[in-house]
Amino acid sequence: MTETLSVRDKILEKLTDLFASIVEGQPVERPFPFQFSLVTRTPLTEESWKKAFSLGVHDTAEEEEEKADVIYCMLSVVLEWRATLSAGEKPSQRGNLITNWLKYRLYQDRTLGGLCINCVSHRNELYVEEAEQKRLSGAIFVRVLYRYRRGDPWLRV
């Protein structure tokens, strides 16, 4: 039977599932202070502002290098998030908290169940415009290193 999802698609699905599975208050040893109302594999739209917490997981670029019979790929992925703030919350502090929790979740399994060699956050952005704003957004830029057999992007090595 032929695989229907390429390694790249499986990585994006795994990242989406990883963040969709966050449950507020779990795990017990270090409970998450929030959970997402919406997790999508596309950039966020204006509709996402209607949710308390939203996350869009999407790829932006990919570099490839061939070595022997293996293609090494560096996939750039954006974790774009939006949040509605409660009264009295400081946007910068809340944004840093959300960013740290997302990175914590990402680093719980840097190989994404063996799909990739490594994934690492290489840049964060936090969009704060004023001290009393009600909505907040940010992004984490992730690099995912993976490989597949030359000529067969469905077969990971």
Protein backbone atom coordinates (compact mmCIF):
# COMPACT_ATOMS: atom_id res chain seq x y z
CA MET A 1 0.00 0.00 0.00
CA THR A 2 1.36 3.43 -0.94
CA GLU A 3 1.74 6.09 1.76
CA THR A 4 -0.58 9.04 1.19
CA LEU A 5 1.27 11.56 3.37
CA SER A 6 4.84 12.63 2.70
CA VAL A 7 7.30 12.90 5.57
CA ARG A 8 6.83 16.70 5.41
CA ASP A 9 3.04 16.35 5.76
CA LYS A 10 3.42 13.86 8.62
CA ILE A 11 5.68 16.34 10.46
CA LEU A 12 3.12 19.13 10.05
CA GLU A 13 0.31 16.82 11.20
CA LYS A 14 2.36 15.73 14.23
CA LEU A 15 3.08 19.36 15.20
CA THR A 16 -0.61 20.24 14.86
CA ASP A 17 -1.65 17.23 16.98
CA LEU A 18 1.05 18.03 19.55
CA PHE A 19 -0.47 21.43 20.29
CA ALA A 20 -4.10 20.38 19.87
CA SER A 21 -3.55 17.79 22.63
CA ILE A 22 -2.68 20.41 25.25
CA VAL A 23 -5.18 20.18 28.10
CA GLU A 24 -5.36 22.92 30.69
CA GLY A 25 -4.17 21.63 34.07
CA GLN A 26 -2.33 18.63 32.58
CA PRO A 27 0.17 17.08 33.06
CA VAL A 28 0.12 17.19 36.83
CA GLU A 29 3.90 17.73 37.34
CA ARG A 30 3.85 20.99 35.31
CA PRO A 31 0.28 21.83 34.34
CA PHE A 32 -0.43 23.94 31.27
CA PRO A 33 -2.17 27.22 32.23
CA PHE A 34 -4.32 27.22 29.05
CA GLN A 35 -5.52 25.14 26.15
CA PHE A 36 -6.27 26.12 22.58
CA SER A 37 -9.83 26.64 21.38
CA LEU A 38 -8.62 26.35 17.80
CA VAL A 39 -5.57 24.62 16.30
CA THR A 40 -5.33 24.68 12.53
CA ARG A 41 -2.76 23.73 9.90
CA THR A 42 -3.14 27.06 8.13
CA PRO A 43 -2.28 30.68 8.92
CA LEU A 44 -4.81 32.19 11.31
CA THR A 45 -7.68 34.26 9.96
CA GLU A 46 -9.70 37.08 11.52
CA GLU A 47 -12.15 34.44 12.82
CA SER A 48 -9.46 33.20 15.21
CA TRP A 49 -9.78 36.39 17.28
CA LYS A 50 -13.19 35.10 18.43
CA LYS A 51 -11.44 32.27 20.32
CA ALA A 52 -9.67 32.59 23.69
CA PHE A 53 -6.51 30.90 22.37
CA SER A 54 -5.77 30.04 18.72
CA LEU A 55 -2.79 28.44 17.04
CA GLY A 56 -1.93 28.14 13.36
CA VAL A 57 0.79 25.69 12.30
CA HIS A 58 2.11 26.21 8.77
CA ASP A 59 5.29 25.78 6.78
CA THR A 60 6.94 28.64 4.93
CA ALA A 61 10.10 27.35 3.24
CA GLU A 62 12.27 24.30 2.84
CA GLU A 63 15.92 23.78 1.93
CA GLU A 64 17.19 20.45 0.66
CA GLU A 65 20.65 18.89 0.36
CA GLU A 66 21.41 15.53 -1.18
CA LYS A 67 24.00 13.23 0.39
CA ALA A 68 24.42 9.74 -1.09
CA ASP A 69 20.89 8.33 -1.39
CA VAL A 70 19.40 10.58 1.26
CA ILE A 71 17.81 14.03 0.99
CA TYR A 72 18.29 16.20 4.11
CA CYS A 73 15.63 18.86 4.51
CA MET A 74 15.40 21.92 6.73
CA LEU A 75 11.72 22.81 6.98
CA SER A 76 10.74 26.23 8.33
CA VAL A 77 7.50 26.15 10.30
CA VAL A 78 5.60 29.01 11.93
CA LEU A 79 3.62 28.51 15.13
CA GLU A 80 1.36 31.57 14.96
CA TRP A 81 -0.76 32.17 18.06
CA ARG A 82 -3.44 34.60 19.22
CA ALA A 83 -4.91 35.13 22.65
CA THR A 84 -7.61 37.22 24.28
CA LEU A 85 -6.40 38.83 27.49
CA SER A 86 -8.31 39.06 30.74
CA ALA A 87 -8.69 42.37 32.54
CA GLY A 88 -5.48 43.36 34.29
CA GLU A 89 -3.19 41.01 32.38
CA LYS A 90 0.04 42.54 31.14
CA PRO A 91 0.43 41.75 27.41
CA SER A 92 4.20 41.31 27.47
CA GLN A 93 4.18 38.99 30.48
CA ARG A 94 1.28 36.94 29.11
CA GLY A 95 2.93 36.72 25.68
CA ASN A 96 6.19 35.52 27.17
CA LEU A 97 4.32 32.91 29.21
CA ILE A 98 2.50 31.59 26.13
CA THR A 99 5.74 31.51 24.13
CA ASN A 100 7.56 29.62 26.88
CA TRP A 101 4.78 27.05 27.21
CA LEU A 102 4.70 26.46 23.46
CA LYS A 103 8.47 25.93 23.41
CA TYR A 104 8.19 23.63 26.44
CA ARG A 105 5.63 21.51 24.59
CA LEU A 106 7.74 21.48 21.40
CA TYR A 107 10.83 20.34 23.29
CA GLN A 108 9.08 17.46 25.02
CA ASP A 109 9.76 15.41 21.88
CA ARG A 110 12.29 17.07 19.59
CA THR A 111 12.15 14.20 17.07
CA LEU A 112 8.34 14.25 16.85
CA GLY A 113 8.07 10.55 17.48
CA GLY A 114 11.01 9.74 15.22
CA LEU A 115 9.71 11.65 12.18
CA CYS A 116 12.58 14.13 12.20
CA ILE A 117 16.17 14.40 13.37
CA ASN A 118 15.58 17.56 15.41
CA CYS A 119 13.31 20.56 15.71
CA VAL A 120 14.34 23.80 17.34
CA SER A 121 12.86 27.23 17.87
CA HIS A 122 15.17 29.79 16.29
CA ARG A 123 13.18 33.01 16.69
CA ASN A 124 10.14 34.37 18.52
CA GLU A 125 8.03 37.44 17.89
CA LEU A 126 5.57 39.04 20.26
CA TYR A 127 3.23 41.71 18.93
CA VAL A 128 2.54 44.15 21.76
CA GLU A 129 1.28 47.60 20.78
CA GLU A 130 0.02 49.08 24.04
CA ALA A 131 -0.01 48.28 27.75
CA GLU A 132 -3.80 47.82 28.01
CA GLN A 133 -4.55 45.90 24.84
CA LYS A 134 -7.20 43.16 24.94
CA ARG A 135 -5.81 40.94 22.19
CA LEU A 136 -2.31 39.58 21.80
CA SER A 137 -0.50 37.65 19.12
CA GLY A 138 2.89 36.20 18.47
CA ALA A 139 4.83 33.64 16.51
CA ILE A 140 7.53 31.06 17.08
CA PHE A 141 9.67 30.16 14.10
CA VAL A 142 10.79 26.54 14.15
CA ARG A 143 13.36 24.72 12.05
CA VAL A 144 12.74 21.02 11.52
CA LEU A 145 15.58 18.87 10.20
CA TYR A 146 14.45 15.62 8.59
CA ARG A 147 15.50 13.30 5.81
CA TYR A 148 14.00 10.97 3.26
CA ARG A 149 15.22 8.53 0.63
CA ARG A 150 16.14 10.15 -2.69
CA GLY A 151 13.21 10.06 -5.09
CA ASP A 152 10.77 8.94 -2.38
CA PRO A 153 9.50 11.78 -0.13
CA TRP A 154 7.12 9.32 1.56
CA LEU A 155 9.90 7.15 2.97
CA ARG A 156 11.80 8.53 5.93
CA VAL A 157 15.32 7.31 6.59
